[in-house]
């Protein structure tokens, strides 16, 4: 079988799937990536890496409702050009796996009409019932913005119509897509490599030349790609003074950059870390609060392994890999009572749930976990068991993904 993977930031969600297929006798695997984000081919044994030209963004003259759609069309056009050249060279895939979020999937059926196309669908935008309007403090929308959000789904709708099957990681994310398409979307998470992400009592996290933290200390952890409201950074910061007051020996480590992955920067300028430090910084003992920015994956895992209490907050939105990895590492997880978190965590069994907006309730939970760790040992064990049973890469998720891909051509032919 011949497989083509397409992702502007390859490997992305296809990291393990592409390698597993490439390792099977008789398979040929090609991956296509935006040339600006090209990864070394050596990171993906058996996968031939090619690139497409980086597209221009939308023009200023484009109606602002349509700018994201124009950008998607421009990207889809560049992918189609690269696919045509690949076809000219003799590579005609049996199956194409593509992330649909940025327009890469739009024109593939026109280039490869006989290929089975599996689109990875991450999020369908809604003006109600999900992230939009969830947090009135930092989100206010005009009718113009609601219209723009609806039009933003144009890329998704065309991709849904063009693909043969869809894939998404959680039931809640699947439920956001129009009902007419849901019967053709499989729910399979990318999975957690529990051989790598596991408890380690001997782990250490080096904060500085003078401070190394271990599991013997009280370490409160908060991890996101960027520190921003979508992932509850403002709520965590407002809970922080009480955590420090009631856990006088605790250290708090925050991982994340100062950009935004979702949403907007503060209206008054600067970044969210600066904004929240202006609000609560005077109440914090900064010798025990450590903003470490973005860290290498190995350091991030070590931090999870020494965590006494790990906090994960999110708007109703895409579920972060870090939450599942924290569970696999045996963390006591204090998380927001929001979808799709509640799809994974049972309150009091494998984690603790709090109202997203209740900073005091969050602080109380964290303080209790940090000061009475013996009462929460079962949560650590149960959290890892949840991942082993439902999200383990090698035993659960990857076999289901491989089964879907291998059956897809036959399913369509039937």
Protein backbone atom coordinates (compact mmCIF):
# COMPACT_ATOMS: atom_id res chain seq x y z
CA UNK A 1 0.00 0.00 0.00
CA UNK A 2 1.07 3.57 -0.67
CA UNK A 3 0.31 6.20 1.96
CA UNK A 4 0.58 9.98 1.76
CA UNK A 5 0.52 12.09 4.94
CA UNK A 6 0.03 15.85 4.73
CA UNK A 7 0.45 18.23 7.65
CA UNK A 8 1.92 21.74 7.57
CA UNK A 9 3.79 20.97 10.81
CA UNK A 10 4.44 17.30 10.10
CA UNK A 11 4.46 14.93 11.90
CA UNK A 12 1.86 16.50 14.22
CA UNK A 13 -0.88 13.98 15.01
CA UNK A 14 0.60 11.49 12.53
CA UNK A 15 3.91 11.00 14.34
CA UNK A 16 3.42 7.36 15.32
CA UNK A 17 0.99 6.28 12.62
CA UNK A 18 3.26 7.10 9.68
CA UNK A 19 6.25 5.30 11.18
CA UNK A 20 4.16 2.22 12.02
CA UNK A 21 2.91 1.99 8.45
CA UNK A 22 6.40 2.54 7.04
CA UNK A 23 7.69 -0.37 9.12
CA UNK A 24 5.24 -2.81 7.51
CA UNK A 25 6.59 -4.81 4.55
CA UNK A 26 5.25 -3.68 1.21
CA UNK A 27 4.22 -0.20 2.31
CA UNK A 28 5.58 3.05 0.87
CA UNK A 29 5.03 6.16 2.93
CA UNK A 30 5.49 9.77 1.83
CA UNK A 31 4.90 12.81 4.04
CA UNK A 32 4.29 16.32 2.74
CA UNK A 33 5.03 19.41 4.84
CA UNK A 34 5.15 23.17 4.41
CA UNK A 35 8.72 23.92 3.36
CA UNK A 36 8.98 26.55 6.11
CA UNK A 37 8.39 23.88 8.76
CA UNK A 38 10.35 21.01 7.28
CA UNK A 39 11.54 18.47 9.85
CA UNK A 40 14.65 16.29 9.38
CA UNK A 41 13.67 13.12 7.56
CA UNK A 42 15.79 11.11 9.99
CA UNK A 43 13.15 11.73 12.67
CA UNK A 44 10.75 9.52 10.73
CA UNK A 45 12.47 6.27 9.70
CA UNK A 46 11.06 4.85 6.50
CA UNK A 47 9.08 8.00 5.65
CA UNK A 48 10.11 10.00 2.60
CA UNK A 49 9.66 13.69 3.32
CA UNK A 50 8.76 16.20 0.62
CA UNK A 51 7.57 19.79 0.86
CA UNK A 52 5.16 22.22 -0.71
CA UNK A 53 5.77 25.94 -1.16
CA UNK A 54 4.62 28.15 1.69
CA UNK A 55 1.48 29.97 0.59
CA UNK A 56 0.88 33.68 0.87
CA UNK A 57 -1.72 34.74 3.40
CA UNK A 58 -4.97 36.48 2.64
CA UNK A 59 -4.80 39.95 1.15
CA UNK A 60 -5.87 43.08 3.01
CA UNK A 61 -8.49 43.69 0.34
CA UNK A 62 -10.22 40.40 1.14
CA UNK A 63 -13.45 40.70 3.12
CA UNK A 64 -12.48 39.99 6.72
CA UNK A 65 -15.02 37.17 7.04
CA UNK A 66 -13.17 35.39 4.23
CA UNK A 67 -9.53 35.87 5.19
CA UNK A 68 -9.08 32.51 6.90
CA UNK A 69 -10.85 30.82 3.98
CA UNK A 70 -8.65 32.58 1.44
CA UNK A 71 -5.57 31.50 3.38
CA UNK A 72 -6.89 27.92 3.36
CA UNK A 73 -7.50 28.03 -0.39
CA UNK A 74 -4.00 29.36 -1.03
CA UNK A 75 -2.53 26.54 1.07
CA UNK A 76 -4.72 23.93 -0.59
CA UNK A 77 -3.55 25.20 -3.97
CA UNK A 78 0.12 24.78 -3.04
CA UNK A 79 -0.56 21.27 -1.74
CA UNK A 80 -2.35 20.40 -4.97
CA UNK A 81 0.61 21.63 -7.04
CA UNK A 82 3.01 19.49 -4.99
CA UNK A 83 0.67 16.50 -5.26
CA UNK A 84 0.50 16.88 -9.05
CA UNK A 85 4.30 16.84 -9.21
CA UNK A 86 4.40 13.80 -6.93
CA UNK A 87 1.93 12.07 -9.23
CA UNK A 88 4.03 12.99 -12.26
CA UNK A 89 6.97 11.27 -10.57
CA UNK A 90 4.93 8.08 -10.30
CA UNK A 91 3.69 8.10 -6.71
CA UNK A 92 -0.06 7.51 -6.58
CA UNK A 93 -1.24 6.88 -3.00
CA UNK A 94 -3.87 4.35 -2.05
CA UNK A 95 -4.64 6.29 1.14
CA UNK A 96 -4.12 9.94 2.03
CA UNK A 97 -4.11 11.16 5.64
CA UNK A 98 -4.36 14.93 5.95
CA UNK A 99 -5.02 17.49 8.66
CA UNK A 100 -8.02 19.45 7.38
CA UNK A 101 -7.59 22.50 9.58
CA UNK A 102 -5.56 24.73 7.26
CA UNK A 103 -6.91 23.90 3.81
CA UNK A 104 -4.43 21.19 2.84
CA UNK A 105 -7.25 18.74 2.13
CA UNK A 106 -9.32 20.95 -0.17
CA UNK A 107 -8.22 19.77 -3.63
CA UNK A 108 -6.71 16.35 -3.06
CA UNK A 109 -9.66 14.46 -4.53
CA UNK A 110 -9.18 16.36 -7.77
CA UNK A 111 -5.55 15.25 -8.00
CA UNK A 112 -6.06 11.69 -6.73
CA UNK A 113 -9.71 10.75 -7.44
CA UNK A 114 -9.12 7.05 -6.73
CA UNK A 115 -7.36 7.51 -3.39
CA UNK A 116 -9.14 6.96 -0.09
CA UNK A 117 -8.85 10.25 1.80
CA UNK A 118 -8.92 10.38 5.60
CA UNK A 119 -9.18 13.90 7.02
CA UNK A 120 -8.10 14.65 10.57
CA UNK A 121 -10.70 17.07 11.97
CA UNK A 122 -9.64 18.92 15.10
CA UNK A 123 -12.36 21.51 15.74
CA UNK A 124 -15.56 22.81 14.22
CA UNK A 125 -16.34 26.39 15.19
CA UNK A 126 -19.57 27.24 16.96
CA UNK A 127 -20.95 30.59 18.05
CA UNK A 128 -22.63 28.94 21.05
CA UNK A 129 -21.97 25.98 23.31
CA UNK A 130 -18.18 25.76 23.02
CA UNK A 131 -15.28 28.19 23.39
CA UNK A 132 -16.96 31.28 21.92
CA UNK A 133 -18.59 33.31 24.64
CA UNK A 134 -17.54 30.88 27.37
CA UNK A 135 -15.42 33.45 29.22
CA UNK A 136 -17.22 36.83 29.26
CA UNK A 137 -14.27 38.52 30.97
CA UNK A 138 -12.05 38.34 27.91
CA UNK A 139 -14.52 37.51 25.16
CA UNK A 140 -17.04 39.91 23.68
CA UNK A 141 -18.42 39.41 20.20
CA UNK A 142 -20.29 41.57 17.75
CA UNK A 143 -22.62 40.15 15.12
CA UNK A 144 -19.81 40.75 12.63
CA UNK A 145 -17.53 38.45 14.61
CA UNK A 146 -20.20 35.76 14.87
CA UNK A 147 -20.57 35.90 11.08
CA UNK A 148 -16.80 35.58 10.64
CA UNK A 149 -16.74 32.54 12.94
CA UNK A 150 -19.46 30.82 10.93
CA UNK A 151 -17.68 31.52 7.64
CA UNK A 152 -14.48 30.12 9.15
CA UNK A 153 -16.07 26.68 8.83
CA UNK A 154 -16.13 26.99 5.02
CA UNK A 155 -12.84 25.11 4.79
CA UNK A 156 -14.14 22.37 7.11
CA UNK A 157 -17.42 21.97 5.24
CA UNK A 158 -15.73 21.62 1.86
CA UNK A 159 -13.18 19.20 3.33
CA UNK A 160 -15.96 17.16 4.96
CA UNK A 161 -17.72 16.92 1.62
CA UNK A 162 -14.56 15.97 -0.27
CA UNK A 163 -13.07 13.37 2.09
CA UNK A 164 -14.02 9.71 2.32
CA UNK A 165 -13.76 9.46 6.08
CA UNK A 166 -12.90 11.64 9.07
CA UNK A 167 -10.94 11.18 12.27
CA UNK A 168 -11.07 13.19 15.49
CA UNK A 169 -9.63 12.52 18.97
CA UNK A 170 -12.62 12.88 21.35
CA UNK A 171 -16.35 12.26 21.31
CA UNK A 172 -17.03 15.88 22.27
CA UNK A 173 -14.96 17.21 19.38
CA UNK A 174 -16.85 14.88 17.05
CA UNK A 175 -20.17 16.15 18.43
CA UNK A 176 -19.35 19.70 17.32
CA UNK A 177 -19.44 18.75 13.65
CA UNK A 178 -22.72 18.89 11.69
CA UNK A 179 -24.81 15.81 12.37
CA UNK A 180 -25.07 14.91 8.70
CA UNK A 181 -21.32 14.13 8.68
CA UNK A 182 -20.86 12.45 12.06
CA UNK A 183 -21.52 8.91 10.86
CA UNK A 184 -18.36 9.22 8.74
CA UNK A 185 -16.08 10.43 11.54
CA UNK A 186 -14.24 7.91 13.72
CA UNK A 187 -13.20 8.90 17.23
CA UNK A 188 -9.68 7.67 17.92
CA UNK A 189 -7.16 9.57 20.00
CA UNK A 190 -3.54 9.80 18.84
CA UNK A 191 -2.54 7.98 22.01
CA UNK A 192 0.05 8.31 24.76
CA UNK A 193 3.34 6.43 24.67
CA UNK A 194 3.16 5.07 28.21
CA UNK A 195 6.60 3.46 27.90
CA UNK A 196 8.07 6.95 27.78
CA UNK A 197 5.44 8.85 29.78
CA UNK A 198 5.43 7.05 33.12
CA UNK A 199 6.05 7.72 36.81
CA UNK A 200 9.66 8.12 37.91
CA UNK A 201 10.37 8.77 41.58
CA UNK A 202 13.98 9.65 40.79
CA UNK A 203 13.15 12.42 38.32
CA UNK A 204 14.63 15.89 38.77
CA UNK A 205 13.78 19.26 37.29
CA UNK A 206 16.54 21.83 37.13
CA UNK A 207 15.11 25.32 37.53
CA UNK A 208 18.41 27.16 37.80
CA UNK A 209 22.03 26.70 38.81
CA UNK A 210 20.94 26.96 42.44
CA UNK A 211 17.60 25.12 42.41
CA UNK A 212 16.79 21.55 41.44
CA UNK A 213 13.35 20.20 42.31
CA UNK A 214 12.45 16.57 43.02
CA UNK A 215 9.40 14.58 44.07
CA UNK A 216 10.51 14.94 47.70
CA UNK A 217 9.44 18.59 47.52
CA UNK A 218 6.02 20.14 47.09
CA UNK A 219 5.85 21.08 43.41
CA UNK A 220 2.73 22.54 41.84
CA UNK A 221 2.77 22.40 38.03
CA UNK A 222 0.94 24.19 35.24
CA UNK A 223 1.79 23.44 31.60
CA UNK A 224 0.60 24.85 28.30
CA UNK A 225 2.12 25.75 24.96
CA UNK A 226 1.35 29.39 25.76
CA UNK A 227 0.07 31.03 28.93
CA UNK A 228 -3.36 32.37 27.96
CA UNK A 229 -7.03 32.49 29.03
CA UNK A 230 -8.14 29.64 26.73
CA UNK A 231 -6.17 27.33 29.01
CA UNK A 232 -7.17 29.06 32.25
CA UNK A 233 -3.94 30.90 32.95
CA UNK A 234 -5.78 33.86 34.49
CA UNK A 235 -7.72 31.58 36.85
CA UNK A 236 -4.57 29.75 37.92
CA UNK A 237 -2.79 33.02 38.63
CA UNK A 238 -5.67 34.25 40.79
CA UNK A 239 -5.55 31.01 42.78
CA UNK A 240 -1.78 31.24 43.19
CA UNK A 241 -1.56 33.63 46.20
CA UNK A 242 -3.61 31.27 48.35
CA UNK A 243 -1.67 28.22 47.17
CA UNK A 244 1.59 29.87 48.21
CA UNK A 245 0.16 31.10 51.51
CA UNK A 246 -1.25 27.73 52.56
CA UNK A 247 1.64 25.67 51.17
CA UNK A 248 4.61 27.67 52.49
CA UNK A 249 7.18 25.12 51.28
CA UNK A 250 5.75 24.67 47.81
CA UNK A 251 7.34 25.70 44.54
CA UNK A 252 5.21 26.48 41.50
CA UNK A 253 6.52 25.83 37.99
CA UNK A 254 4.70 27.24 34.98
CA UNK A 255 5.65 26.01 31.50
CA UNK A 256 4.54 27.99 28.46
CA UNK A 257 5.39 30.82 26.13
CA UNK A 258 4.13 34.40 26.03
CA UNK A 259 2.37 34.19 22.68
CA UNK A 260 -1.20 33.07 22.03
CA UNK A 261 -2.13 29.76 20.48
CA UNK A 262 -5.83 30.61 20.62
CA UNK A 263 -7.77 33.79 21.19
CA UNK A 264 -6.19 37.22 21.43
CA UNK A 265 -3.48 39.16 23.18
CA UNK A 266 -4.58 41.57 25.95
CA UNK A 267 -6.33 44.63 24.53
CA UNK A 268 -4.04 46.98 26.44
CA UNK A 269 -0.93 45.40 24.93
CA UNK A 270 1.77 43.12 26.32
CA UNK A 271 1.17 39.44 27.03
CA UNK A 272 -1.00 37.52 29.47
CA UNK A 273 1.85 36.77 31.87
CA UNK A 274 2.59 40.46 32.20
CA UNK A 275 -1.09 41.28 32.61
CA UNK A 276 -1.65 38.74 35.37
CA UNK A 277 1.56 39.69 37.15
CA UNK A 278 0.28 43.26 37.31
CA UNK A 279 -2.91 41.94 38.89
CA UNK A 280 -1.53 39.48 41.45
CA UNK A 281 2.26 39.77 41.33
CA UNK A 282 2.51 41.82 44.52
CA UNK A 283 0.95 38.87 46.42
CA UNK A 284 3.44 36.30 45.15
CA UNK A 285 6.71 35.07 46.61
CA UNK A 286 8.66 35.01 43.37
CA UNK A 287 11.45 32.94 44.92
CA UNK A 288 8.94 30.07 44.75
CA UNK A 289 7.20 30.88 41.45
CA UNK A 290 9.13 29.87 38.34
CA UNK A 291 8.14 30.84 34.80
CA UNK A 292 10.40 28.60 32.73
CA UNK A 293 9.01 29.33 29.26
CA UNK A 294 8.89 26.54 26.70
CA UNK A 295 11.03 23.54 27.59
CA UNK A 296 12.36 20.46 25.84
CA UNK A 297 10.09 17.42 25.93
CA UNK A 298 12.38 15.48 28.26
CA UNK A 299 12.40 18.33 30.81
CA UNK A 300 8.63 18.61 30.57
CA UNK A 301 8.23 14.90 31.36
CA UNK A 302 10.57 15.22 34.33
CA UNK A 303 8.44 18.07 35.64
CA UNK A 304 5.29 15.96 35.44
CA UNK A 305 7.07 13.12 37.25
CA UNK A 306 7.93 15.30 40.26
CA UNK A 307 4.57 17.07 40.44
CA UNK A 308 2.67 17.04 43.72
CA UNK A 309 -0.37 18.65 42.08
CA UNK A 310 -0.87 19.33 38.38
CA UNK A 311 -3.45 21.87 37.20
CA UNK A 312 -5.12 21.70 33.80
CA UNK A 313 -7.82 24.22 32.87
CA UNK A 314 -9.44 24.76 29.50
CA UNK A 315 -12.35 26.40 27.77
CA UNK A 316 -14.62 23.86 26.02
CA UNK A 317 -12.12 23.31 23.23
CA UNK A 318 -9.52 20.89 21.87
CA UNK A 319 -8.14 18.62 24.59
CA UNK A 320 -4.42 19.12 25.25
CA UNK A 321 -2.03 16.19 24.98
CA UNK A 322 -0.46 17.43 28.22
CA UNK A 323 -3.51 16.49 30.28
CA UNK A 324 -3.37 12.86 29.21
CA UNK A 325 0.40 12.78 29.60
CA UNK A 326 0.09 14.16 33.13
CA UNK A 327 -2.27 11.29 33.94
CA UNK A 328 0.10 8.77 32.36
CA UNK A 329 2.94 10.16 34.48
CA UNK A 330 0.89 9.52 37.60
CA UNK A 331 0.05 13.11 38.48
CA UNK A 332 -2.73 14.13 40.83
CA UNK A 333 -4.68 16.18 38.32
CA UNK A 334 -6.90 19.10 39.27
CA UNK A 335 -8.82 20.02 36.13
CA UNK A 336 -11.69 22.16 34.95
CA UNK A 337 -15.18 20.71 34.81
CA UNK A 338 -15.43 21.41 31.08
CA UNK A 339 -15.71 19.38 27.89
CA UNK A 340 -13.86 17.37 26.77
CA UNK A 341 -12.03 17.03 30.12
CA UNK A 342 -15.10 15.37 31.61
CA UNK A 343 -15.00 12.76 28.86
CA UNK A 344 -11.76 11.47 30.39
CA UNK A 345 -11.80 12.24 34.11
CA UNK A 346 -14.15 10.89 36.75
CA UNK A 347 -14.12 13.29 39.67
CA UNK A 348 -12.58 11.68 42.74
CA UNK A 349 -11.49 8.57 40.83
CA UNK A 350 -8.67 9.55 38.49
CA UNK A 351 -8.63 13.31 39.00
CA UNK A 352 -10.38 16.21 40.69
CA UNK A 353 -12.73 18.55 38.86
CA UNK A 354 -13.37 22.20 39.70
CA UNK A 355 -15.47 24.94 38.17
CA UNK A 356 -13.31 26.67 35.57
CA UNK A 357 -13.98 30.16 36.94
CA UNK A 358 -13.71 29.37 40.68
CA UNK A 359 -10.13 30.33 41.60
CA UNK A 360 -10.74 29.80 45.30
CA UNK A 361 -12.08 26.28 44.79
CA UNK A 362 -9.05 25.53 42.63
CA UNK A 363 -6.71 26.81 45.34
CA UNK A 364 -8.48 24.76 48.01
CA UNK A 365 -8.14 21.57 46.00
CA UNK A 366 -4.48 22.14 45.24
CA UNK A 367 -3.67 22.98 48.86
CA UNK A 368 -5.43 19.86 50.09
CA UNK A 369 -3.59 17.63 47.61
CA UNK A 370 -0.20 19.17 48.36
CA UNK A 371 -0.57 19.07 52.15
CA UNK A 372 -2.20 15.62 52.37
CA UNK A 373 -0.64 13.63 49.51
CA UNK A 374 -1.34 10.29 51.20
CA UNK A 375 -5.07 10.86 50.67
CA UNK A 376 -4.65 11.01 46.89
CA UNK A 377 -2.31 8.14 46.09
CA UNK A 378 -5.17 6.18 44.52
CA UNK A 379 -5.86 9.04 42.11
CA UNK A 380 -2.31 8.78 40.80
CA UNK A 381 -2.68 5.05 40.20
CA UNK A 382 -6.15 5.37 38.71
CA UNK A 383 -5.10 8.21 36.40
CA UNK A 384 -2.39 6.07 34.85
CA UNK A 385 -4.77 3.13 34.58
CA UNK A 386 -7.27 5.28 32.69
CA UNK A 387 -4.59 6.11 30.14
CA UNK A 388 -3.37 2.51 29.91
CA UNK A 389 -6.89 1.21 29.35
CA UNK A 390 -8.28 3.89 27.03
CA UNK A 391 -5.46 5.98 25.51
CA UNK A 392 -2.36 3.79 25.41
CA UNK A 393 -0.55 4.30 22.13
CA UNK A 394 0.68 0.77 21.43
CA UNK A 395 -2.18 -1.25 22.88
CA UNK A 396 -5.25 0.87 22.13
CA UNK A 397 -4.97 3.89 19.86
CA UNK A 398 -2.39 2.93 17.26
CA UNK A 399 -3.97 -0.49 16.55
CA UNK A 400 -7.35 1.21 16.06
CA UNK A 401 -5.82 3.80 13.71
CA UNK A 402 -3.99 1.15 11.69
CA UNK A 403 -7.13 -0.96 11.47
CA UNK A 404 -9.11 2.00 10.15
CA UNK A 405 -6.51 2.91 7.52
CA UNK A 406 -6.04 -0.64 6.32
CA UNK A 407 -9.79 -1.21 6.01
CA UNK A 408 -10.61 2.18 4.47
CA UNK A 409 -10.04 1.33 0.78
CA UNK A 410 -12.17 -1.79 1.12
CA UNK A 411 -14.89 0.05 3.02
CA UNK A 412 -15.19 2.57 0.21
CA UNK A 413 -15.09 -0.08 -2.51
CA UNK A 414 -17.91 -1.95 -0.75
